[in-house]
Protein backbone atom coordinates (compact mmCIF):
# COMPACT_ATOMS: atom_id res chain seq x y z
CA MET A 1 10.42 -7.18 25.30
CA ASN A 2 10.24 -3.47 26.10
CA MET A 3 7.26 -1.61 24.70
CA PRO A 4 8.31 0.99 22.04
CA ALA A 5 8.47 4.58 23.29
CA PHE A 6 5.92 5.63 20.66
CA ALA A 7 3.45 3.09 22.08
CA LEU A 8 4.13 4.12 25.66
CA PHE A 9 3.44 7.71 24.69
CA ALA A 10 0.08 6.68 23.24
CA LEU A 11 -0.95 4.61 26.23
CA SER A 12 -0.06 7.32 28.71
CA PHE A 13 -2.55 9.68 27.11
CA ALA A 14 -5.21 7.24 25.92
CA ALA A 15 -7.13 7.19 29.19
CA ALA A 16 -7.35 10.98 29.32
CA ALA A 17 -8.57 11.12 25.74
CA ALA A 18 -11.08 8.29 26.08
CA ALA A 19 -13.85 10.61 27.17
CA GLU A 20 -13.58 12.34 23.80
CA ALA A 21 -14.22 9.17 21.79
CA PRO A 22 -17.72 9.02 20.27
CA ALA A 23 -20.02 6.09 20.89
CA PRO A 24 -20.13 3.47 18.10
CA GLY A 25 -22.51 4.44 15.33
CA ASN A 26 -22.10 8.20 15.86
CA GLN A 27 -20.67 10.45 13.17
CA ARG A 28 -16.95 9.80 13.09
CA ALA A 29 -14.40 12.57 12.79
CA VAL A 30 -11.33 12.55 10.54
CA LEU A 31 -8.48 15.06 10.27
CA VAL A 32 -7.04 15.62 6.78
CA THR A 33 -3.83 17.62 6.38
CA GLY A 34 -3.16 19.59 3.21
CA ALA A 35 -6.88 19.74 2.48
CA SER A 36 -6.99 22.94 0.43
CA THR A 37 -6.31 21.54 -3.06
CA GLY A 38 -5.73 18.42 -5.10
CA ILE A 39 -5.86 15.04 -3.40
CA GLY A 40 -6.48 16.53 0.05
CA ARG A 41 -9.48 18.53 -1.17
CA GLU A 42 -10.87 15.48 -2.96
CA ILE A 43 -10.52 13.38 0.20
CA THR A 44 -12.20 16.08 2.29
CA GLU A 45 -15.15 16.47 -0.06
CA ARG A 46 -15.67 12.72 -0.40
CA LEU A 47 -15.60 12.03 3.33
CA ALA A 48 -17.89 14.97 4.09
CA ALA A 49 -20.35 13.89 1.39
CA SER A 50 -20.41 10.40 2.92
CA GLY A 51 -21.56 11.90 6.22
CA HIS A 52 -18.27 11.90 8.10
CA PHE A 53 -17.07 15.00 9.95
CA VAL A 54 -13.81 16.38 8.56
CA TYR A 55 -11.32 18.62 10.27
CA ALA A 56 -9.61 20.06 7.19
CA GLY A 57 -6.10 21.41 7.61
CA ALA A 58 -5.07 24.41 5.51
CA ARG A 59 -2.63 27.33 5.75
CA LYS A 60 -4.25 30.25 3.90
CA ASP A 61 -7.25 32.34 4.94
CA ALA A 62 -8.97 31.94 1.57
CA ASP A 63 -8.64 28.15 1.70
CA ILE A 64 -9.93 28.02 5.26
CA GLU A 65 -12.96 30.08 4.26
CA ALA A 66 -13.67 27.85 1.25
CA LEU A 67 -13.37 24.65 3.28
CA ASN A 68 -15.66 25.98 6.00
CA ALA A 69 -18.36 26.43 3.37
CA ILE A 70 -18.57 22.64 2.90
CA GLU A 71 -21.14 20.78 4.97
CA ASN A 72 -19.61 18.50 7.62
CA VAL A 73 -16.25 20.30 7.39
CA GLN A 74 -14.45 22.46 9.95
CA ALA A 75 -11.28 24.02 8.63
CA ILE A 76 -8.25 24.25 10.91
CA ARG A 77 -5.20 26.40 10.34
CA LEU A 78 -2.52 23.75 10.13
CA ASP A 79 0.98 23.97 8.72
CA VAL A 80 2.59 20.57 9.37
CA THR A 81 6.00 22.23 9.80
CA ARG A 82 4.80 24.37 12.72
CA PRO A 83 4.54 22.68 16.14
CA ASP A 84 2.47 25.58 17.51
CA GLU A 85 -0.21 25.12 14.85
CA ILE A 86 -0.21 21.34 15.38
CA ALA A 87 -0.70 21.84 19.11
CA ALA A 88 -3.52 24.30 18.45
CA ALA A 89 -5.14 21.78 16.11
CA VAL A 90 -5.02 19.11 18.82
CA ALA A 91 -6.71 21.54 21.21
CA THR A 92 -9.41 22.37 18.66
CA VAL A 93 -10.21 18.73 17.94
CA THR A 94 -10.17 17.80 21.63
CA GLN A 95 -12.47 20.67 22.55
CA GLY A 96 -14.81 19.71 19.70
CA GLY A 97 -15.88 16.69 21.73
CA ARG A 98 -16.22 14.41 18.71
CA GLY A 99 -13.08 12.42 19.39
CA LEU A 100 -10.99 11.51 16.38
CA TRP A 101 -11.47 8.28 14.46
CA GLY A 102 -9.04 8.92 11.63
CA LEU A 103 -5.97 10.89 10.63
CA VAL A 104 -5.03 11.35 6.98
CA ASN A 105 -1.46 12.60 6.54
CA ASN A 106 -1.81 14.10 3.08
CA ALA A 107 0.16 17.37 3.00
CA GLY A 108 3.06 17.04 0.57
CA VAL A 109 5.42 19.03 -1.64
CA ALA A 110 8.03 18.33 -4.32
CA VAL A 111 11.04 19.86 -6.01
CA THR A 112 12.70 18.58 -9.16
CA GLY A 113 16.19 18.47 -10.57
CA PRO A 114 19.48 16.57 -10.20
CA PHE A 115 21.12 16.41 -6.78
CA ALA A 116 24.18 18.32 -8.04
CA GLU A 117 22.02 21.37 -8.75
CA LEU A 118 19.64 21.14 -5.81
CA LYS A 119 19.74 23.76 -3.08
CA GLU A 120 20.05 22.35 0.42
CA GLU A 121 17.15 24.51 1.61
CA ASP A 122 14.92 22.89 -1.03
CA PHE A 123 15.97 19.45 0.20
CA ASP A 124 15.15 20.48 3.77
CA PHE A 125 11.80 21.92 2.65
CA VAL A 126 10.65 18.65 1.10
CA MET A 127 11.76 16.55 4.06
CA ASP A 128 10.25 18.97 6.56
CA VAL A 129 6.80 18.66 4.97
CA ASN A 130 6.81 15.11 3.60
CA ALA A 131 8.71 13.19 6.29
CA TYR A 132 8.81 15.27 9.46
CA GLY A 133 5.26 16.52 8.89
CA PRO A 134 3.51 13.14 9.22
CA PHE A 135 5.74 12.28 12.18
CA ARG A 136 4.87 15.51 14.01
CA VAL A 137 1.14 15.36 13.32
CA THR A 138 0.81 11.65 14.05
CA LYS A 139 2.70 11.91 17.31
CA ALA A 140 0.49 14.78 18.43
CA PHE A 141 -2.79 13.04 17.61
CA ILE A 142 -1.94 9.51 18.78
CA PRO A 143 -3.81 9.89 22.09
CA LEU A 144 -7.08 10.75 20.35
CA ILE A 145 -6.69 8.04 17.70
CA ALA A 146 -5.75 5.45 20.32
CA ALA A 147 -8.78 6.37 22.43
CA SER A 148 -11.12 5.58 19.53
CA GLN A 149 -9.04 2.61 18.27
CA GLY A 150 -9.23 4.30 14.90
CA ARG A 151 -7.16 4.57 11.75
CA ILE A 152 -4.07 6.39 10.52
CA VAL A 153 -3.67 6.76 6.76
CA THR A 154 -0.63 8.37 5.17
CA ILE A 155 -0.42 9.37 1.52
CA SER A 156 2.75 7.88 0.14
CA SER A 157 3.29 7.46 -3.62
CA ILE A 158 4.45 4.93 -6.16
CA SER A 159 7.58 7.10 -5.87
CA GLY A 160 8.02 5.32 -2.54
CA ILE A 161 8.88 2.26 -4.64
CA LEU A 162 10.20 3.93 -7.80
CA SER A 163 13.04 6.47 -7.97
CA SER A 164 13.12 8.70 -11.04
CA ALA A 165 16.14 10.78 -12.01
CA ASN A 166 14.71 14.25 -11.44
CA LEU A 167 12.43 13.46 -8.50
CA GLY A 168 15.15 12.13 -6.22
CA VAL A 169 14.35 14.15 -3.11
CA TYR A 170 10.61 13.57 -3.44
CA SER A 171 11.27 9.83 -3.87
CA MET A 172 13.54 9.84 -0.83
CA SER A 173 10.78 11.41 1.26
CA LYS A 174 8.23 8.84 0.10
CA HIS A 175 10.62 5.94 0.72
CA ALA A 176 10.88 7.31 4.27
CA ILE A 177 7.09 7.34 4.54
CA GLU A 178 6.95 3.68 3.52
CA ALA A 179 9.19 2.84 6.48
CA PHE A 180 7.20 5.19 8.72
CA GLY A 181 3.96 3.39 7.86
CA ASP A 182 5.33 -0.08 8.52
CA SER A 183 6.97 0.86 11.82
CA LEU A 184 3.93 2.83 12.97
CA ALA A 185 1.63 -0.10 12.16
CA ALA A 186 3.67 -2.40 14.39
CA GLN A 187 3.62 0.15 17.22
CA MET A 188 -0.07 1.02 17.02
CA GLU A 189 -1.26 -2.58 16.80
CA LEU A 190 -0.99 -2.66 20.60
CA GLN A 191 -3.68 0.04 20.79
CA GLY A 192 -6.00 -1.54 18.24
CA VAL A 193 -5.21 1.19 15.70
CA ARG A 194 -4.88 0.18 12.03
CA VAL A 195 -2.35 1.94 9.83
CA SER A 196 -2.40 2.13 6.04
CA LEU A 197 -0.38 3.69 3.23
CA VAL A 198 -2.06 4.96 0.08
CA GLU A 199 0.32 5.06 -2.90
CA PRO A 200 -1.05 7.13 -5.80
CA GLY A 201 0.35 7.22 -9.28
CA ASN A 202 -0.08 10.19 -11.59
CA TYR A 203 -3.25 12.15 -10.88
CA ASN A 204 -4.17 15.80 -11.27
CA SER A 205 -2.96 17.92 -8.35
CA GLN A 206 -1.24 21.20 -7.53
CA ILE A 207 2.04 19.67 -6.40
CA GLY A 208 3.80 20.41 -9.69
CA ALA A 209 2.60 23.99 -9.85
CA SER A 210 3.74 24.53 -6.27
CA ALA A 211 7.18 23.13 -7.09
CA ALA A 212 7.52 25.44 -10.08
CA LYS A 213 6.45 28.42 -7.97
CA ARG A 214 9.04 27.65 -5.30
CA THR A 215 11.97 27.21 -7.69
CA GLY A 216 10.87 29.78 -10.27
CA GLN A 217 11.49 27.23 -13.01
CA ALA A 218 9.32 25.04 -15.18
CA THR A 219 9.32 21.41 -14.08
CA GLY A 220 8.44 18.15 -15.71
CA ILE A 221 5.59 17.76 -13.23
CA GLY A 222 4.27 21.32 -13.48
CA ASP A 223 1.01 21.00 -15.42
CA ARG A 224 -0.84 17.94 -14.20
CA SER A 225 -4.22 18.81 -15.72
CA ARG A 226 -3.71 16.09 -18.35
CA TYR A 227 -4.07 13.46 -15.62
CA LYS A 228 -7.26 12.07 -14.12
CA GLU A 229 -8.86 13.73 -11.14
CA PRO A 230 -7.84 11.96 -7.90
CA ASP A 231 -11.29 10.59 -7.02
CA GLU A 232 -9.87 7.04 -7.03
CA VAL A 233 -7.29 8.10 -4.44
CA ALA A 234 -10.00 9.59 -2.20
CA GLU A 235 -11.99 6.37 -2.58
CA ALA A 236 -9.00 4.33 -1.42
CA VAL A 237 -8.52 6.61 1.58
CA GLU A 238 -12.15 6.17 2.58
CA ARG A 239 -11.78 2.41 2.35
CA ALA A 240 -8.61 2.49 4.46
CA LEU A 241 -10.42 4.55 7.07
CA PHE A 242 -13.64 2.58 7.29
CA GLU A 243 -13.59 -0.89 5.76
CA PRO A 244 -13.50 -3.60 8.46
CA ASP A 245 -10.14 -5.07 7.49
CA PRO A 246 -8.02 -2.34 5.86
CA LYS A 247 -4.99 -3.22 3.76
CA ARG A 248 -1.53 -2.04 4.73
CA ARG A 249 -0.99 -0.66 1.22
CA TYR A 250 -3.40 0.70 -1.36
CA MET A 251 -1.64 1.29 -4.67
CA VAL A 252 -3.92 3.54 -6.74
CA VAL A 253 -2.87 4.13 -10.33
CA PRO A 254 -4.77 5.47 -13.35
CA ASN A 255 -3.69 2.75 -15.78
CA ALA A 256 -2.15 -0.72 -16.10
CA GLN A 257 1.18 0.66 -17.26
CA GLU A 258 1.88 2.45 -13.97
CA ALA A 259 0.86 -0.65 -12.04
CA GLU A 260 3.24 -2.83 -14.05
CA ILE A 261 6.17 -0.41 -13.74
CA THR A 262 5.74 -0.28 -9.97
CA ILE A 263 5.35 -4.03 -9.42
CA ARG A 264 8.27 -4.78 -11.75
CA LYS A 265 10.45 -2.38 -9.77
CA ALA A 266 9.57 -4.12 -6.51
CA ILE A 267 10.42 -7.49 -8.10
CA GLN A 268 13.69 -6.09 -9.46
CA GLU A 269 14.72 -5.02 -5.97
CA LEU A 270 13.91 -8.50 -4.65
CA VAL A 271 16.17 -10.03 -7.32
CA GLN A 272 18.96 -7.55 -6.54
CA LEU A 273 18.74 -8.36 -2.84
CA ASN A 274 18.89 -12.06 -3.57
CA GLU A 275 21.62 -12.29 -6.19
CA GLY A 276 25.19 -13.42 -5.68
CA HIS A 277 25.68 -13.83 -1.94
CA ALA A 278 26.16 -16.68 0.52
CA TYR A 279 22.44 -17.04 1.24
CA THR A 280 20.99 -16.61 -2.25
CA TYR A 281 17.71 -18.47 -2.73
CA SER A 282 16.98 -20.56 -5.79
CA ARG A 283 14.19 -19.76 -8.21
CA GLU A 284 12.12 -22.58 -6.73
CA GLN A 285 12.62 -21.26 -3.21
CA LEU A 286 11.62 -17.73 -4.28
CA VAL A 287 8.51 -19.04 -6.01
CA ALA A 288 7.60 -20.96 -2.86
CA MET A 289 8.00 -17.75 -0.81
CA LEU A 290 5.80 -15.89 -3.26
CA GLU A 291 3.15 -18.60 -3.13
CA ASP A 292 3.21 -18.45 0.65
CA ALA A 293 2.81 -14.67 0.64
CA LEU A 294 -0.05 -14.88 -1.85
CA LYS A 295 -2.13 -17.18 0.36
CA ASP A 296 -3.70 -14.26 2.20
CA ALA A 297 -3.60 -11.76 -0.67
CA ARG A 298 -6.85 -10.29 -1.92
CA PRO A 299 -7.91 -11.16 -5.48
CA ALA A 300 -8.18 -8.60 -8.24
CA THR A 301 -11.42 -6.64 -8.24
CA SER A 302 -13.16 -4.52 -10.83
CA ALA A 303 -14.75 -2.38 -8.13
CA PRO A 304 -13.96 -1.74 -4.47
CA PRO A 305 -16.18 -3.22 -1.76
CA PRO A 306 -18.81 -0.86 -0.34
CA VAL A 307 -17.75 1.31 2.56
CA PRO A 308 -20.32 1.46 5.41
CA ALA A 309 -21.63 4.95 6.10
CA ASN A 310 -19.89 6.49 9.14
CA GLY A 311 -17.97 3.25 9.55
CA ASP A 312 -21.03 1.37 10.89
């Protein structure tokens, strides 16, 4: 079987990047995109406080200055829609000599409203950041990640499973990220790189305010201050980056209701796929499949397992 082009790209550069990989036990470096506010800022602060070195991507001078004031953080000007800034970020990280253990694709945007009223440029804007952005950044940093046999974590959403009426484009972008994560995981397995998706529910962030600013209209997701701070999301990202056997998916929701809605939607899709065709499975056969899939599933926990400092 031919090796995927994505994997060949990684292997062709891995040897050149190997000299940049830190020795085991050294401080490990992680790049976080969209690190200026919300979930990205929370991830950055948590990783830095745990002793990891964070390259924090941001677009504005004020945000870069604020991020640079945090211990163990080096801010990088990084707009995920700009190839020139991505290339410059690769050069900065490479020249830093720390290697790169982890990449966190966090930068994301949203617009709201029915498709019939949506401007095509707003559709393109969301896809450019949420779908093309992780592709561009990941492709650029694969050599460094492959050299350290590290981790790639992409922030998806429960909207990658659900599809609400007025968040159609955002949901489309996150459905794309679900496919991106699965395909990337299969490709990067050859390099010893683990890939995870983190799927948050409703937490406090600036994504709604940014959407309202872009469209000039109030949105249903505008003020998110009523939601919990995203510390649980940052915790899940740290686990995905450093626990010995990371999960493919980390659903992180603030309450049982959001968990149930999401799981029920996934089950509903399974039933819709199965119903009324020549190869429909019986209830007993579906239950047997579920039992087989559950054999290796992790049990429910009241608290996450401890994450070793610096991945040791």
